[in-house]
């Protein structure tokens, strides 16, 4: 999990991790009153991830920008998109 201000990035290894993350986020919301804005959230499968798996109702995306670095579903595409502007 990466956090910067109010942006949180959660990295999962498999869909079986989703229920555990959901439980942790539910506990945090109950204690803090803060909730995830599903409309502003993105999910991205890397490699052979099954994009038909529902991750808390969050839409899948082909790429995600985290702290200025562009991540895509492959390392090659991530490097090309992140470094081409440099």
PDB file of N, CA and C in Angstrom:
ATOM      1  N   UNK A   1       0.846  -1.167   0.000  1.00  0.00           N
ATOM      2  CA  UNK A   1       0.000   0.000   0.000  1.00  0.00           C
ATOM      3  C   UNK A   1       0.894   1.233   0.000  1.00  0.00           C
ATOM      4  N   UNK A   2       0.584   2.176  -0.890  1.00  0.00           N
ATOM      5  CA  UNK A   2       1.283   3.451  -0.975  1.00  0.00           C
ATOM      6  C   UNK A   2       0.284   4.550  -0.659  1.00  0.00           C
ATOM      7  N   UNK A   3       0.686   5.518   0.135  1.00  0.00           N
ATOM      8  CA  UNK A   3      -0.207   6.620   0.455  1.00  0.00           C
ATOM      9  C   UNK A   3       0.533   7.937   0.350  1.00  0.00           C
ATOM     10  N   UNK A   4      -0.120   8.913  -0.276  1.00  0.00           N
ATOM     11  CA  UNK A   4       0.412  10.265  -0.380  1.00  0.00           C
ATOM     12  C   UNK A   4      -0.776  11.206  -0.287  1.00  0.00           C
ATOM     13  N   UNK A   5      -0.818  11.998   0.773  1.00  0.00           N
ATOM     14  CA  UNK A   5      -1.951  12.875   1.053  1.00  0.00           C
ATOM     15  C   UNK A   5      -3.237  12.039   1.093  1.00  0.00           C
ATOM     16  N   UNK A   6      -4.202  12.345   0.227  1.00  0.00           N
ATOM     17  CA  UNK A   6      -5.438  11.571   0.238  1.00  0.00           C
ATOM     18  C   UNK A   6      -5.496  10.537  -0.878  1.00  0.00           C
ATOM     19  N   UNK A   7      -4.366  10.315  -1.562  1.00  0.00           N
ATOM     20  CA  UNK A   7      -4.298   9.296  -2.607  1.00  0.00           C
ATOM     21  C   UNK A   7      -3.675   8.028  -2.046  1.00  0.00           C
ATOM     22  N   UNK A   8      -4.366   6.936  -2.202  1.00  0.00           N
ATOM     23  CA  UNK A   8      -3.875   5.645  -1.707  1.00  0.00           C
ATOM     24  C   UNK A   8      -3.830   4.671  -2.869  1.00  0.00           C
ATOM     25  N   UNK A   9      -2.719   3.957  -2.987  1.00  0.00           N
ATOM     26  CA  UNK A   9      -2.561   2.938  -4.020  1.00  0.00           C
ATOM     27  C   UNK A   9      -2.400   1.602  -3.327  1.00  0.00           C
ATOM     28  N   UNK A  10      -3.205   0.642  -3.716  1.00  0.00           N
ATOM     29  CA  UNK A  10      -3.154  -0.697  -3.129  1.00  0.00           C
ATOM     30  C   UNK A  10      -2.742  -1.669  -4.214  1.00  0.00           C
ATOM     31  N   UNK A  11      -1.700  -2.438  -3.955  1.00  0.00           N
ATOM     32  CA  UNK A  11      -1.218  -3.433  -4.905  1.00  0.00           C
ATOM     33  C   UNK A  11      -1.589  -4.820  -4.392  1.00  0.00           C
ATOM     34  N   UNK A  12      -2.236  -5.599  -5.237  1.00  0.00           N
ATOM     35  CA  UNK A  12      -2.663  -6.953  -4.882  1.00  0.00           C
ATOM     36  C   UNK A  12      -1.955  -7.965  -5.766  1.00  0.00           C
ATOM     37  N   UNK A  13      -1.713  -9.142  -5.205  1.00  0.00           N
ATOM     38  CA  UNK A  13      -1.102 -10.197  -6.003  1.00  0.00           C
ATOM     39  C   UNK A  13      -2.140 -11.059  -6.704  1.00  0.00           C
ATOM     40  N   UNK A  14      -3.310 -11.176  -6.114  1.00  0.00           N
ATOM     41  CA  UNK A  14      -4.338 -12.017  -6.727  1.00  0.00           C
ATOM     42  C   UNK A  14      -5.720 -11.563  -6.270  1.00  0.00           C
ATOM     43  N   UNK A  15      -6.753 -11.957  -7.003  1.00  0.00           N
ATOM     44  CA  UNK A  15      -8.115 -11.607  -6.599  1.00  0.00           C
ATOM     45  C   UNK A  15      -8.491 -12.116  -5.200  1.00  0.00           C
ATOM     46  N   UNK A  16      -7.817 -13.141  -4.732  1.00  0.00           N
ATOM     47  CA  UNK A  16      -8.133 -13.662  -3.396  1.00  0.00           C
ATOM     48  C   UNK A  16      -7.773 -12.667  -2.293  1.00  0.00           C
ATOM     49  N   UNK A  17      -6.984 -11.625  -2.608  1.00  0.00           N
ATOM     50  CA  UNK A  17      -6.628 -10.593  -1.632  1.00  0.00           C
ATOM     51  C   UNK A  17      -7.739  -9.557  -1.456  1.00  0.00           C
ATOM     52  N   UNK A  18      -8.677  -9.499  -2.374  1.00  0.00           N
ATOM     53  CA  UNK A  18      -9.704  -8.460  -2.364  1.00  0.00           C
ATOM     54  C   UNK A  18     -10.549  -8.460  -1.085  1.00  0.00           C
ATOM     55  N   UNK A  19     -11.063  -9.592  -0.609  1.00  0.00           N
ATOM     56  CA  UNK A  19     -11.873  -9.552   0.615  1.00  0.00           C
ATOM     57  C   UNK A  19     -11.111  -9.014   1.828  1.00  0.00           C
ATOM     58  N   UNK A  20      -9.843  -9.343   1.947  1.00  0.00           N
ATOM     59  CA  UNK A  20      -9.051  -8.856   3.074  1.00  0.00           C
ATOM     60  C   UNK A  20      -8.881  -7.334   2.997  1.00  0.00           C
ATOM     61  N   UNK A  21      -8.600  -6.818   1.813  1.00  0.00           N
ATOM     62  CA  UNK A  21      -8.471  -5.365   1.622  1.00  0.00           C
ATOM     63  C   UNK A  21      -9.803  -4.687   1.917  1.00  0.00           C
ATOM     64  N   UNK A  22     -10.903  -5.276   1.466  1.00  0.00           N
ATOM     65  CA  UNK A  22     -12.228  -4.699   1.711  1.00  0.00           C
ATOM     66  C   UNK A  22     -12.497  -4.609   3.211  1.00  0.00           C
ATOM     67  N   UNK A  23     -12.150  -5.647   3.955  1.00  0.00           N
ATOM     68  CA  UNK A  23     -12.341  -5.654   5.411  1.00  0.00           C
ATOM     69  C   UNK A  23     -11.527  -4.541   6.071  1.00  0.00           C
ATOM     70  N   UNK A  24     -10.270  -4.396   5.677  1.00  0.00           N
ATOM     71  CA  UNK A  24      -9.405  -3.359   6.246  1.00  0.00           C
ATOM     72  C   UNK A  24      -9.959  -1.968   5.943  1.00  0.00           C
ATOM     73  N   UNK A  25     -10.392  -1.740   4.702  1.00  0.00           N
ATOM     74  CA  UNK A  25     -10.947  -0.438   4.336  1.00  0.00           C
ATOM     75  C   UNK A  25     -12.255  -0.158   5.072  1.00  0.00           C
ATOM     76  N   UNK A  26     -13.076  -1.177   5.272  1.00  0.00           N
ATOM     77  CA  UNK A  26     -14.320  -1.015   6.029  1.00  0.00           C
ATOM     78  C   UNK A  26     -14.032  -0.642   7.479  1.00  0.00           C
ATOM     79  N   UNK A  27     -13.031  -1.281   8.080  1.00  0.00           N
ATOM     80  CA  UNK A  27     -12.647  -0.959   9.456  1.00  0.00           C
ATOM     81  C   UNK A  27     -12.133   0.474   9.558  1.00  0.00           C
ATOM     82  N   UNK A  28     -11.299   0.875   8.594  1.00  0.00           N
ATOM     83  CA  UNK A  28     -10.771   2.236   8.583  1.00  0.00           C
ATOM     84  C   UNK A  28     -11.917   3.251   8.453  1.00  0.00           C
ATOM     85  N   UNK A  29     -12.860   2.976   7.557  1.00  0.00           N
ATOM     86  CA  UNK A  29     -13.999   3.878   7.361  1.00  0.00           C
ATOM     87  C   UNK A  29     -14.835   3.991   8.639  1.00  0.00           C
ATOM     88  N   UNK A  30     -15.031   2.877   9.338  1.00  0.00           N
ATOM     89  CA  UNK A  30     -15.821   2.890  10.567  1.00  0.00           C
ATOM     90  C   UNK A  30     -15.148   3.738  11.653  1.00  0.00           C
ATOM     91  N   UNK A  31     -13.830   3.681  11.726  1.00  0.00           N
ATOM     92  CA  UNK A  31     -13.087   4.425  12.747  1.00  0.00           C
ATOM     93  C   UNK A  31     -12.892   5.896  12.386  1.00  0.00           C
ATOM     94  N   UNK A  32     -12.657   6.188  11.125  1.00  0.00           N
ATOM     95  CA  UNK A  32     -12.293   7.545  10.724  1.00  0.00           C
ATOM     96  C   UNK A  32     -13.424   8.344  10.077  1.00  0.00           C
ATOM     97  N   UNK A  33     -14.402   7.640   9.555  1.00  0.00           N
ATOM     98  CA  UNK A  33     -15.462   8.306   8.820  1.00  0.00           C
ATOM     99  C   UNK A  33     -15.096   8.558   7.359  1.00  0.00           C
ATOM    100  N   UNK A  34     -13.859   8.249   6.979  1.00  0.00           N
ATOM    101  CA  UNK A  34     -13.395   8.433   5.598  1.00  0.00           C
ATOM    102  C   UNK A  34     -13.805   7.226   4.760  1.00  0.00           C
ATOM    103  N   UNK A  35     -14.203   7.479   3.536  1.00  0.00           N
ATOM    104  CA  UNK A  35     -14.597   6.397   2.645  1.00  0.00           C
ATOM    105  C   UNK A  35     -13.937   6.558   1.291  1.00  0.00           C
ATOM    106  N   UNK A  36     -13.794   5.461   0.579  1.00  0.00           N
ATOM    107  CA  UNK A  36     -13.237   5.481  -0.771  1.00  0.00           C
ATOM    108  C   UNK A  36     -14.274   6.074  -1.725  1.00  0.00           C
ATOM    109  N   UNK A  37     -13.821   6.967  -2.588  1.00  0.00           N
ATOM    110  CA  UNK A  37     -14.672   7.500  -3.640  1.00  0.00           C
ATOM    111  C   UNK A  37     -14.511   6.573  -4.844  1.00  0.00           C
ATOM    112  N   UNK A  38     -15.445   5.656  -5.006  1.00  0.00           N
ATOM    113  CA  UNK A  38     -15.380   4.659  -6.075  1.00  0.00           C
ATOM    114  C   UNK A  38     -15.318   5.327  -7.447  1.00  0.00           C
ATOM    115  N   UNK A  39     -16.021   6.449  -7.636  1.00  0.00           N
ATOM    116  CA  UNK A  39     -16.031   7.127  -8.936  1.00  0.00           C
ATOM    117  C   UNK A  39     -14.661   7.684  -9.318  1.00  0.00           C
ATOM    118  N   UNK A  40     -13.827   8.006  -8.340  1.00  0.00           N
ATOM    119  CA  UNK A  40     -12.495   8.539  -8.632  1.00  0.00           C
ATOM    120  C   UNK A  40     -11.430   7.451  -8.579  1.00  0.00           C
ATOM    121  N   UNK A  41     -11.829   6.232  -8.289  1.00  0.00           N
ATOM    122  CA  UNK A  41     -10.883   5.132  -8.129  1.00  0.00           C
ATOM    123  C   UNK A  41     -10.670   4.394  -9.444  1.00  0.00           C
ATOM    124  N   UNK A  42      -9.510   3.750  -9.568  1.00  0.00           N
ATOM    125  CA  UNK A  42      -9.192   2.958 -10.746  1.00  0.00           C
ATOM    126  C   UNK A  42      -8.605   1.627 -10.306  1.00  0.00           C
ATOM    127  N   UNK A  43      -8.883   0.607 -11.078  1.00  0.00           N
ATOM    128  CA  UNK A  43      -8.264  -0.706 -10.881  1.00  0.00           C
ATOM    129  C   UNK A  43      -7.538  -1.056 -12.170  1.00  0.00           C
ATOM    130  N   UNK A  44      -6.400  -1.689 -12.036  1.00  0.00           N
ATOM    131  CA  UNK A  44      -5.647  -2.070 -13.218  1.00  0.00           C
ATOM    132  C   UNK A  44      -5.033  -3.446 -12.995  1.00  0.00           C
ATOM    133  N   UNK A  45      -5.270  -4.336 -13.931  1.00  0.00           N
ATOM    134  CA  UNK A  45      -4.663  -5.653 -13.874  1.00  0.00           C
ATOM    135  C   UNK A  45      -3.320  -5.642 -14.560  1.00  0.00           C
ATOM    136  N   UNK A  46      -2.332  -6.214 -13.925  1.00  0.00           N
ATOM    137  CA  UNK A  46      -0.989  -6.279 -14.507  1.00  0.00           C
ATOM    138  C   UNK A  46      -0.701  -7.723 -14.874  1.00  0.00           C
ATOM    139  N   UNK A  47      -0.168  -7.934 -16.075  1.00  0.00           N
ATOM    140  CA  UNK A  47       0.151  -9.297 -16.493  1.00  0.00           C
ATOM    141  C   UNK A  47      -1.110 -10.074 -16.828  1.00  0.00           C
ATOM    142  N   UNK A  48      -1.258 -11.217 -16.229  1.00  0.00           N
ATOM    143  CA  UNK A  48      -2.380 -12.119 -16.551  1.00  0.00           C
ATOM    144  C   UNK A  48      -3.558 -11.979 -15.591  1.00  0.00           C
ATOM    145  N   UNK A  49      -3.772 -10.817 -15.080  1.00  0.00           N
ATOM    146  CA  UNK A  49      -4.873 -10.570 -14.143  1.00  0.00           C
ATOM    147  C   UNK A  49      -6.209 -10.723 -14.862  1.00  0.00           C
ATOM    148  N   UNK A  50      -7.159 -11.355 -14.212  1.00  0.00           N
ATOM    149  CA  UNK A  50      -8.496 -11.555 -14.774  1.00  0.00           C
ATOM    150  C   UNK A  50      -9.325 -10.295 -14.542  1.00  0.00           C
ATOM    151  N   UNK A  51      -9.513  -9.495 -15.578  1.00  0.00           N
ATOM    152  CA  UNK A  51     -10.230  -8.229 -15.426  1.00  0.00           C
ATOM    153  C   UNK A  51     -11.746  -8.391 -15.304  1.00  0.00           C
ATOM    154  N   UNK A  52     -12.230  -9.621 -15.309  1.00  0.00           N
ATOM    155  CA  UNK A  52     -13.658  -9.822 -15.066  1.00  0.00           C
ATOM    156  C   UNK A  52     -13.954  -9.876 -13.569  1.00  0.00           C
ATOM    157  N   UNK A  53     -12.909  -9.960 -12.742  1.00  0.00           N
ATOM    158  CA  UNK A  53     -13.077  -9.997 -11.290  1.00  0.00           C
ATOM    159  C   UNK A  53     -13.472  -8.599 -10.816  1.00  0.00           C
ATOM    160  N   UNK A  54     -14.536  -8.518 -10.027  1.00  0.00           N
ATOM    161  CA  UNK A  54     -15.020  -7.243  -9.499  1.00  0.00           C
ATOM    162  C   UNK A  54     -14.179  -6.850  -8.283  1.00  0.00           C
ATOM    163  N   UNK A  55     -13.569  -5.668  -8.353  1.00  0.00           N
ATOM    164  CA  UNK A  55     -12.795  -5.151  -7.230  1.00  0.00           C
ATOM    165  C   UNK A  55     -13.585  -4.000  -6.623  1.00  0.00           C
ATOM    166  N   UNK A  56     -14.473  -4.321  -5.710  1.00  0.00           N
ATOM    167  CA  UNK A  56     -15.255  -3.348  -4.958  1.00  0.00           C
ATOM    168  C   UNK A  56     -16.021  -2.378  -5.851  1.00  0.00           C
ATOM    169  N   UNK A  57     -16.380  -2.808  -7.058  1.00  0.00           N
ATOM    170  CA  UNK A  57     -17.144  -1.965  -7.973  1.00  0.00           C
ATOM    171  C   UNK A  57     -16.310  -0.920  -8.685  1.00  0.00           C
ATOM    172  N   UNK A  58     -14.987  -1.018  -8.593  1.00  0.00           N
ATOM    173  CA  UNK A  58     -14.100  -0.054  -9.230  1.00  0.00           C
ATOM    174  C   UNK A  58     -13.853  -0.480 -10.675  1.00  0.00           C
ATOM    175  N   UNK A  59     -13.934   0.482 -11.604  1.00  0.00           N
ATOM    176  CA  UNK A  59     -13.723   0.175 -13.017  1.00  0.00           C
ATOM    177  C   UNK A  59     -12.256  -0.096 -13.310  1.00  0.00           C
ATOM    178  N   UNK A  60     -12.021  -1.018 -14.228  1.00  0.00           N
ATOM    179  CA  UNK A  60     -10.656  -1.312 -14.670  1.00  0.00           C
ATOM    180  C   UNK A  60     -10.183  -0.231 -15.629  1.00  0.00           C
ATOM    181  N   UNK A  61      -8.886   0.017 -15.600  1.00  0.00           N
ATOM    182  CA  UNK A  61      -8.256   0.992 -16.464  1.00  0.00           C
ATOM    183  C   UNK A  61      -7.040   0.347 -17.111  1.00  0.00           C
ATOM    184  N   UNK A  62      -6.679   0.811 -18.305  1.00  0.00           N
ATOM    185  CA  UNK A  62      -5.496   0.295 -18.998  1.00  0.00           C
ATOM    186  C   UNK A  62      -4.205   0.903 -18.451  1.00  0.00           C
ATOM    187  N   UNK A  63      -4.330   2.053 -17.773  1.00  0.00           N
ATOM    188  CA  UNK A  63      -3.149   2.688 -17.195  1.00  0.00           C
ATOM    189  C   UNK A  63      -3.541   3.503 -15.967  1.00  0.00           C
ATOM    190  N   UNK A  64      -2.551   3.711 -15.100  1.00  0.00           N
ATOM    191  CA  UNK A  64      -2.752   4.477 -13.877  1.00  0.00           C
ATOM    192  C   UNK A  64      -1.504   5.327 -13.663  1.00  0.00           C
ATOM    193  N   UNK A  65      -1.697   6.590 -13.320  1.00  0.00           N
ATOM    194  CA  UNK A  65      -0.566   7.475 -13.041  1.00  0.00           C
ATOM    195  C   UNK A  65      -0.441   7.615 -11.526  1.00  0.00           C
ATOM    196  N   UNK A  66       0.741   7.266 -11.006  1.00  0.00           N
ATOM    197  CA  UNK A  66       0.989   7.337  -9.574  1.00  0.00           C
ATOM    198  C   UNK A  66       2.225   8.196  -9.352  1.00  0.00           C
ATOM    199  N   UNK A  67       2.014   9.344  -8.683  1.00  0.00           N
ATOM    200  CA  UNK A  67       3.103  10.287  -8.407  1.00  0.00           C
ATOM    201  C   UNK A  67       3.923  10.602  -9.664  1.00  0.00           C
ATOM    202  N   UNK A  68       3.238  10.814 -10.772  1.00  0.00           N
ATOM    203  CA  UNK A  68       3.886  11.224 -12.003  1.00  0.00           C
ATOM    204  C   UNK A  68       4.416  10.102 -12.882  1.00  0.00           C
ATOM    205  N   UNK A  69       4.345   8.881 -12.411  1.00  0.00           N
ATOM    206  CA  UNK A  69       4.824   7.741 -13.192  1.00  0.00           C
ATOM    207  C   UNK A  69       3.634   7.003 -13.777  1.00  0.00           C
ATOM    208  N   UNK A  70       3.683   6.740 -15.076  1.00  0.00           N
ATOM    209  CA  UNK A  70       2.601   6.055 -15.778  1.00  0.00           C
ATOM    210  C   UNK A  70       2.797   4.544 -15.692  1.00  0.00           C
ATOM    211  N   UNK A  71       1.835   3.851 -15.121  1.00  0.00           N
ATOM    212  CA  UNK A  71       1.862   2.391 -15.044  1.00  0.00           C
ATOM    213  C   UNK A  71       0.820   1.836 -16.000  1.00  0.00           C
ATOM    214  N   UNK A  72       1.192   0.779 -16.725  1.00  0.00           N
ATOM    215  CA  UNK A  72       0.263   0.110 -17.628  1.00  0.00           C
ATOM    216  C   UNK A  72       0.300  -1.386 -17.311  1.00  0.00           C
ATOM    217  N   UNK A  73      -0.358  -2.154 -18.140  1.00  0.00           N
ATOM    218  CA  UNK A  73      -0.453  -3.590 -17.873  1.00  0.00           C
ATOM    219  C   UNK A  73       0.825  -4.361 -18.178  1.00  0.00           C
ATOM    220  N   UNK A  74       1.798  -3.704 -18.831  1.00  0.00           N
ATOM    221  CA  UNK A  74       3.082  -4.364 -19.086  1.00  0.00           C
ATOM    222  C   UNK A  74       4.229  -3.432 -18.695  1.00  0.00           C
ATOM    223  N   UNK A  75       5.354  -4.005 -18.339  1.00  0.00           N
ATOM    224  CA  UNK A  75       6.532  -3.223 -17.965  1.00  0.00           C
ATOM    225  C   UNK A  75       7.016  -2.397 -19.152  1.00  0.00           C
ATOM    226  N   UNK A  76       7.020  -2.985 -20.330  1.00  0.00           N
ATOM    227  CA  UNK A  76       7.503  -2.283 -21.532  1.00  0.00           C
ATOM    228  C   UNK A  76       6.685  -1.029 -21.810  1.00  0.00           C
ATOM    229  N   UNK A  77       5.374  -1.155 -21.796  1.00  0.00           N
ATOM    230  CA  UNK A  77       4.508   0.006 -22.047  1.00  0.00           C
ATOM    231  C   UNK A  77       4.656   1.053 -20.944  1.00  0.00           C
ATOM    232  N   UNK A  78       4.808   0.615 -19.706  1.00  0.00           N
ATOM    233  CA  UNK A  78       4.993   1.548 -18.590  1.00  0.00           C
ATOM    234  C   UNK A  78       6.254   2.368 -18.802  1.00  0.00           C
ATOM    235  N   UNK A  79       7.349   1.710 -19.175  1.00  0.00           N
ATOM    236  CA  UNK A  79       8.615   2.408 -19.409  1.00  0.00           C
ATOM    237  C   UNK A  79       8.495   3.384 -20.564  1.00  0.00           C
ATOM    238  N   UNK A  80       7.866   2.953 -21.655  1.00  0.00           N
ATOM    239  CA  UNK A  80       7.713   3.835 -22.815  1.00  0.00           C
ATOM    240  C   UNK A  80       6.899   5.079 -22.473  1.00  0.00           C
ATOM    241  N   UNK A  81       5.790   4.899 -21.797  1.00  0.00           N
ATOM    242  CA  UNK A  81       4.922   6.041 -21.462  1.00  0.00           C
ATOM    243  C   UNK A  81       5.561   6.961 -20.428  1.00  0.00           C
ATOM    244  N   UNK A  82       6.272   6.390 -19.471  1.00  0.00           N
ATOM    245  CA  UNK A  82       6.862   7.206 -18.413  1.00  0.00           C
ATOM    246  C   UNK A  82       8.085   7.973 -18.882  1.00  0.00           C
ATOM    247  N   UNK A  83       8.893   7.380 -19.744  1.00  0.00           N
ATOM    248  CA  UNK A  83      10.162   7.985 -20.133  1.00  0.00           C
ATOM    249  C   UNK A  83      10.113   8.740 -21.453  1.00  0.00           C
ATOM    250  N   UNK A  84       9.087   8.566 -22.245  1.00  0.00           N
ATOM    251  CA  UNK A  84       9.039   9.242 -23.541  1.00  0.00           C
ATOM    252  C   UNK A  84       8.977  10.764 -23.379  1.00  0.00           C
ATOM    253  N   UNK A  85       8.365  11.230 -22.337  1.00  0.00           N
ATOM    254  CA  UNK A  85       8.269  12.681 -22.105  1.00  0.00           C
ATOM    255  C   UNK A  85       9.587  13.265 -21.620  1.00  0.00           C
ATOM    256  N   UNK A  86      10.441  12.424 -21.079  1.00  0.00           N
ATOM    257  CA  UNK A  86      11.731  12.895 -20.563  1.00  0.00           C
ATOM    258  C   UNK A  86      12.692  12.968 -21.697  1.00  0.00           C
TER     259      UNK A  86
END
